Each structure stands twice: as C-alpha cells, then as structure tokens.
C-alpha cells in the first residue's frame, strides 16, 4: 500500500525544505527507502523510472497567473509528465497526482 521507494527532488529552495521534512517523515513512518536528488530538470522523471520509485516528492509553490502564462514551473512539469504518483509540498499545503497517466 505504501511506496517502498520515495524519490525526493530538491533544489534547496524554501519550498524544497518543506518537502525534505515531509519526505523524511513519510519514509520513516512507512519504512520506505528515501532517495534524494538535487534537481536537474527532466532527469527526475527518468530517475524515478530507473529506481522504480513508488512516489516522487518535490517542493513547489503556486506561481502568479502571469508567470504561468509563460510556461509551467518545475513541479508542474513533473506532475504532468511523470508516470507515477507525485507529491508537491509547499507552504499552502500539498498538491498531488496519485493516478498514473
């Protein structure tokens, strides 16, 4: 039921710190392996596949509408492209995608 491997994508931002704390807590509470990677755009999805991660976690924040007009942010792209569950942790709470595409 719980993921056996969690992949945490971090970039050192304030949002990422929240995701780091949540990932460590989730891994400890479920006995899951925790893999941490410093974000290199696009590679997170491939690494998640290679590790057969049951969950990808990353930090993120809702960007202003004007910024979104010029393209999706990192966490939004991961949410859209990943073929496995993604949990985005931010100051306003969690946004997640739990159904593989």
N, C-alpha and C. Protein backbone atom coordinates (compact mmCIF):
# COMPACT_ATOMS: atom_id res chain seq x y z
N UNK A 1 0.82 -1.19 0.00
CA UNK A 1 0.00 0.00 0.00
C UNK A 1 0.87 1.26 0.00
N UNK A 2 1.89 1.29 0.85
CA UNK A 2 2.78 2.45 0.88
C UNK A 2 3.91 2.25 -0.11
N UNK A 3 4.46 3.36 -0.63
CA UNK A 3 5.58 3.20 -1.56
C UNK A 3 6.78 2.62 -0.83
N UNK A 4 7.50 1.74 -1.50
CA UNK A 4 8.70 1.18 -0.88
C UNK A 4 9.92 2.03 -1.18
N UNK A 5 9.84 2.86 -2.23
CA UNK A 5 10.91 3.78 -2.57
C UNK A 5 10.32 5.15 -2.85
N UNK A 6 10.90 6.16 -2.21
CA UNK A 6 10.47 7.54 -2.42
C UNK A 6 11.64 8.30 -3.01
N UNK A 7 11.38 9.05 -4.08
CA UNK A 7 12.39 9.90 -4.69
C UNK A 7 12.07 11.34 -4.36
N UNK A 8 12.98 12.03 -3.67
CA UNK A 8 12.81 13.43 -3.33
C UNK A 8 13.68 14.26 -4.25
N UNK A 9 13.06 15.15 -5.03
CA UNK A 9 13.78 16.07 -5.90
C UNK A 9 13.87 17.41 -5.19
N UNK A 10 15.06 17.90 -4.94
CA UNK A 10 15.23 19.14 -4.19
C UNK A 10 16.12 20.11 -4.94
N UNK A 11 15.88 21.40 -4.71
CA UNK A 11 16.73 22.43 -5.31
C UNK A 11 17.23 23.41 -4.26
N UNK A 12 17.00 23.11 -2.99
CA UNK A 12 17.48 23.96 -1.91
C UNK A 12 16.61 25.15 -1.60
N UNK A 13 15.48 25.29 -2.27
CA UNK A 13 14.58 26.43 -2.03
C UNK A 13 13.81 26.23 -0.73
N UNK A 14 13.11 27.28 -0.31
CA UNK A 14 12.29 27.19 0.91
C UNK A 14 11.21 26.13 0.76
N UNK A 15 10.62 26.02 -0.43
CA UNK A 15 9.61 25.00 -0.66
C UNK A 15 10.21 23.61 -0.59
N UNK A 16 11.44 23.48 -1.05
CA UNK A 16 12.11 22.18 -1.02
C UNK A 16 12.38 21.72 0.40
N UNK A 17 12.68 22.64 1.29
CA UNK A 17 12.92 22.28 2.69
C UNK A 17 11.67 21.63 3.28
N UNK A 18 10.50 22.17 2.97
CA UNK A 18 9.26 21.58 3.45
C UNK A 18 9.07 20.17 2.89
N UNK A 19 9.41 19.98 1.62
CA UNK A 19 9.30 18.66 1.00
C UNK A 19 10.31 17.70 1.62
N UNK A 20 11.50 18.18 1.93
CA UNK A 20 12.52 17.34 2.56
C UNK A 20 12.04 16.81 3.91
N UNK A 21 11.47 17.69 4.71
CA UNK A 21 10.95 17.29 6.02
C UNK A 21 9.81 16.28 5.87
N UNK A 22 8.90 16.55 4.94
CA UNK A 22 7.77 15.65 4.73
C UNK A 22 8.23 14.29 4.21
N UNK A 23 9.21 14.28 3.31
CA UNK A 23 9.71 13.02 2.75
C UNK A 23 10.40 12.19 3.82
N UNK A 24 11.20 12.82 4.66
CA UNK A 24 11.88 12.09 5.73
C UNK A 24 10.87 11.49 6.71
N UNK A 25 9.85 12.26 7.04
CA UNK A 25 8.81 11.77 7.95
C UNK A 25 8.03 10.62 7.33
N UNK A 26 7.67 10.75 6.05
CA UNK A 26 6.93 9.70 5.37
C UNK A 26 7.76 8.42 5.25
N UNK A 27 9.02 8.56 4.89
CA UNK A 27 9.90 7.39 4.75
C UNK A 27 10.08 6.69 6.09
N UNK A 28 10.29 7.46 7.14
CA UNK A 28 10.47 6.86 8.47
C UNK A 28 9.20 6.18 8.94
N UNK A 29 8.07 6.79 8.68
CA UNK A 29 6.80 6.24 9.14
C UNK A 29 6.34 5.00 8.38
N UNK A 30 6.81 4.84 7.15
CA UNK A 30 6.37 3.70 6.34
C UNK A 30 7.47 2.67 6.11
N UNK A 31 8.68 2.98 6.57
CA UNK A 31 9.80 2.06 6.35
C UNK A 31 10.26 2.05 4.91
N UNK A 32 9.97 3.10 4.17
CA UNK A 32 10.35 3.20 2.76
C UNK A 32 11.79 3.69 2.61
N UNK A 33 12.43 3.30 1.48
CA UNK A 33 13.74 3.84 1.14
C UNK A 33 13.54 5.28 0.68
N UNK A 34 14.45 6.17 1.05
CA UNK A 34 14.37 7.55 0.61
C UNK A 34 15.60 7.86 -0.24
N UNK A 35 15.38 8.22 -1.49
CA UNK A 35 16.44 8.61 -2.41
C UNK A 35 16.30 10.11 -2.64
N UNK A 36 17.41 10.84 -2.53
CA UNK A 36 17.38 12.29 -2.68
C UNK A 36 18.26 12.69 -3.86
N UNK A 37 17.73 13.57 -4.70
CA UNK A 37 18.48 14.05 -5.86
C UNK A 37 18.35 15.56 -5.94
N UNK A 38 19.46 16.22 -6.21
CA UNK A 38 19.41 17.65 -6.48
C UNK A 38 18.82 17.81 -7.87
N UNK A 39 17.87 18.68 -8.02
CA UNK A 39 17.10 18.77 -9.25
C UNK A 39 17.94 19.13 -10.46
N UNK A 40 17.86 18.29 -11.45
CA UNK A 40 18.37 18.55 -12.79
C UNK A 40 17.16 18.34 -13.68
N UNK A 41 16.64 19.45 -14.25
CA UNK A 41 15.38 19.41 -14.98
C UNK A 41 15.31 18.25 -15.98
N UNK A 42 14.19 17.60 -16.03
CA UNK A 42 13.82 16.47 -16.91
C UNK A 42 14.34 15.13 -16.40
N UNK A 43 15.53 15.12 -15.71
CA UNK A 43 16.16 13.88 -15.26
C UNK A 43 15.41 13.24 -14.09
N UNK A 44 14.62 14.01 -13.34
CA UNK A 44 13.90 13.47 -12.19
C UNK A 44 12.95 12.36 -12.61
N UNK A 45 12.25 12.56 -13.69
CA UNK A 45 11.29 11.56 -14.16
C UNK A 45 12.02 10.28 -14.57
N UNK A 46 13.12 10.41 -15.27
CA UNK A 46 13.89 9.24 -15.69
C UNK A 46 14.48 8.51 -14.49
N UNK A 47 14.95 9.26 -13.50
CA UNK A 47 15.49 8.63 -12.30
C UNK A 47 14.39 7.90 -11.54
N UNK A 48 13.22 8.49 -11.45
CA UNK A 48 12.08 7.83 -10.80
C UNK A 48 11.76 6.50 -11.46
N UNK A 49 11.80 6.48 -12.79
CA UNK A 49 11.57 5.23 -13.52
C UNK A 49 12.68 4.23 -13.24
N UNK A 50 13.92 4.69 -13.28
CA UNK A 50 15.06 3.80 -13.07
C UNK A 50 15.09 3.18 -11.69
N UNK A 51 14.68 3.95 -10.69
CA UNK A 51 14.63 3.44 -9.31
C UNK A 51 13.36 2.65 -9.04
N UNK A 52 12.40 2.72 -9.97
CA UNK A 52 11.08 2.16 -9.76
C UNK A 52 10.46 2.75 -8.50
N UNK A 53 10.61 4.09 -8.37
CA UNK A 53 10.08 4.80 -7.20
C UNK A 53 8.56 4.71 -7.18
N UNK A 54 8.01 4.47 -6.01
CA UNK A 54 6.56 4.43 -5.85
C UNK A 54 5.97 5.81 -5.67
N UNK A 55 6.84 6.82 -5.42
CA UNK A 55 6.39 8.19 -5.18
C UNK A 55 7.54 9.14 -5.48
N UNK A 56 7.25 10.22 -6.18
CA UNK A 56 8.20 11.31 -6.39
C UNK A 56 7.70 12.49 -5.58
N UNK A 57 8.58 13.07 -4.76
CA UNK A 57 8.21 14.24 -3.95
C UNK A 57 9.09 15.40 -4.35
N UNK A 58 8.51 16.60 -4.36
CA UNK A 58 9.26 17.81 -4.66
C UNK A 58 8.58 18.99 -3.98
N UNK A 59 9.32 20.06 -3.80
CA UNK A 59 8.74 21.29 -3.27
C UNK A 59 8.24 22.15 -4.41
N UNK A 60 7.29 22.98 -4.11
CA UNK A 60 6.76 23.86 -5.14
C UNK A 60 5.87 24.91 -4.54
N UNK A 61 5.60 25.92 -5.34
CA UNK A 61 4.67 26.95 -4.89
C UNK A 61 3.80 27.35 -6.07
N UNK A 62 2.63 27.81 -5.75
CA UNK A 62 1.73 28.28 -6.81
C UNK A 62 2.28 29.60 -7.33
N UNK A 63 2.51 29.62 -8.60
CA UNK A 63 3.07 30.82 -9.22
C UNK A 63 1.95 31.75 -9.65
N UNK A 64 2.22 33.05 -9.71
CA UNK A 64 1.21 34.00 -10.17
C UNK A 64 0.76 33.67 -11.60
N UNK A 65 -0.46 33.98 -11.90
CA UNK A 65 -1.04 33.68 -13.21
C UNK A 65 -0.18 34.21 -14.36
N UNK A 66 0.37 35.40 -14.19
CA UNK A 66 1.20 35.98 -15.25
C UNK A 66 2.40 35.09 -15.54
N UNK A 67 3.05 34.57 -14.50
CA UNK A 67 4.20 33.68 -14.69
C UNK A 67 3.77 32.38 -15.36
N UNK A 68 2.60 31.85 -14.99
CA UNK A 68 2.14 30.59 -15.58
C UNK A 68 1.84 30.73 -17.07
N UNK A 69 1.52 31.93 -17.51
CA UNK A 69 1.27 32.15 -18.93
C UNK A 69 2.52 31.87 -19.77
N UNK A 70 3.70 32.04 -19.15
CA UNK A 70 4.95 31.84 -19.87
C UNK A 70 5.49 30.43 -19.72
N UNK A 71 4.72 29.54 -19.12
CA UNK A 71 5.13 28.15 -19.02
C UNK A 71 5.02 27.61 -17.61
N UNK A 72 4.98 26.29 -17.53
CA UNK A 72 4.85 25.61 -16.25
C UNK A 72 6.18 25.64 -15.49
N UNK A 73 6.09 25.66 -14.17
CA UNK A 73 7.27 25.57 -13.34
C UNK A 73 7.73 24.11 -13.23
N UNK A 74 8.84 23.90 -12.55
CA UNK A 74 9.42 22.56 -12.45
C UNK A 74 8.43 21.54 -11.89
N UNK A 75 7.85 21.85 -10.73
CA UNK A 75 6.95 20.88 -10.10
C UNK A 75 5.72 20.59 -10.97
N UNK A 76 5.23 21.61 -11.67
CA UNK A 76 4.09 21.41 -12.55
C UNK A 76 4.44 20.49 -13.71
N UNK A 77 5.65 20.64 -14.25
CA UNK A 77 6.06 19.75 -15.35
C UNK A 77 6.22 18.32 -14.87
N UNK A 78 6.76 18.14 -13.67
CA UNK A 78 6.90 16.78 -13.13
C UNK A 78 5.52 16.17 -12.93
N UNK A 79 4.58 16.94 -12.37
CA UNK A 79 3.21 16.45 -12.18
C UNK A 79 2.59 15.98 -13.49
N UNK A 80 2.81 16.74 -14.55
CA UNK A 80 2.19 16.42 -15.84
C UNK A 80 2.85 15.24 -16.55
N UNK A 81 4.16 15.11 -16.42
CA UNK A 81 4.89 14.13 -17.23
C UNK A 81 5.17 12.80 -16.53
N UNK A 82 5.14 12.77 -15.23
CA UNK A 82 5.51 11.54 -14.50
C UNK A 82 4.46 10.44 -14.71
N UNK A 83 4.94 9.21 -14.79
CA UNK A 83 4.05 8.07 -14.96
C UNK A 83 3.80 7.36 -13.63
N UNK A 84 4.08 8.06 -12.55
CA UNK A 84 3.89 7.52 -11.19
C UNK A 84 3.40 8.64 -10.28
N UNK A 85 2.94 8.34 -9.09
CA UNK A 85 2.42 9.38 -8.19
C UNK A 85 3.48 10.43 -7.85
N UNK A 86 3.04 11.68 -7.78
CA UNK A 86 3.90 12.82 -7.45
C UNK A 86 3.23 13.60 -6.32
N UNK A 87 4.01 13.97 -5.31
CA UNK A 87 3.50 14.78 -4.20
C UNK A 87 4.30 16.07 -4.18
N UNK A 88 3.62 17.21 -4.35
CA UNK A 88 4.25 18.52 -4.32
C UNK A 88 3.93 19.15 -2.98
N UNK A 89 4.97 19.51 -2.22
CA UNK A 89 4.80 20.07 -0.89
C UNK A 89 5.19 21.55 -0.94
N UNK A 90 4.32 22.39 -0.41
CA UNK A 90 4.59 23.83 -0.37
C UNK A 90 4.01 24.45 0.87
N UNK A 91 4.17 25.75 1.00
CA UNK A 91 3.68 26.46 2.18
C UNK A 91 2.17 26.39 2.32
N UNK A 92 1.46 26.31 1.23
CA UNK A 92 0.00 26.30 1.29
C UNK A 92 -0.58 24.90 1.41
N UNK A 93 0.25 23.90 1.56
CA UNK A 93 -0.26 22.54 1.66
C UNK A 93 0.29 21.67 0.56
N UNK A 94 -0.38 20.58 0.30
CA UNK A 94 0.12 19.62 -0.65
C UNK A 94 -0.79 19.50 -1.86
N UNK A 95 -0.19 19.43 -3.04
CA UNK A 95 -0.91 19.13 -4.27
C UNK A 95 -0.35 17.81 -4.73
N UNK A 96 -1.18 16.92 -5.16
CA UNK A 96 -0.65 15.63 -5.56
C UNK A 96 -1.33 15.07 -6.79
N UNK A 97 -0.64 14.17 -7.42
CA UNK A 97 -1.16 13.40 -8.53
C UNK A 97 -0.99 11.96 -8.12
N UNK A 98 -2.07 11.25 -7.91
CA UNK A 98 -1.95 9.89 -7.42
C UNK A 98 -2.31 8.85 -8.43
N UNK A 99 -2.83 9.24 -9.56
CA UNK A 99 -3.23 8.29 -10.59
C UNK A 99 -2.23 8.38 -11.74
N UNK A 100 -1.49 7.31 -12.02
CA UNK A 100 -0.56 7.35 -13.14
C UNK A 100 -1.29 7.67 -14.44
N UNK A 101 -0.61 8.37 -15.30
CA UNK A 101 -1.20 8.76 -16.59
C UNK A 101 -1.00 7.67 -17.61
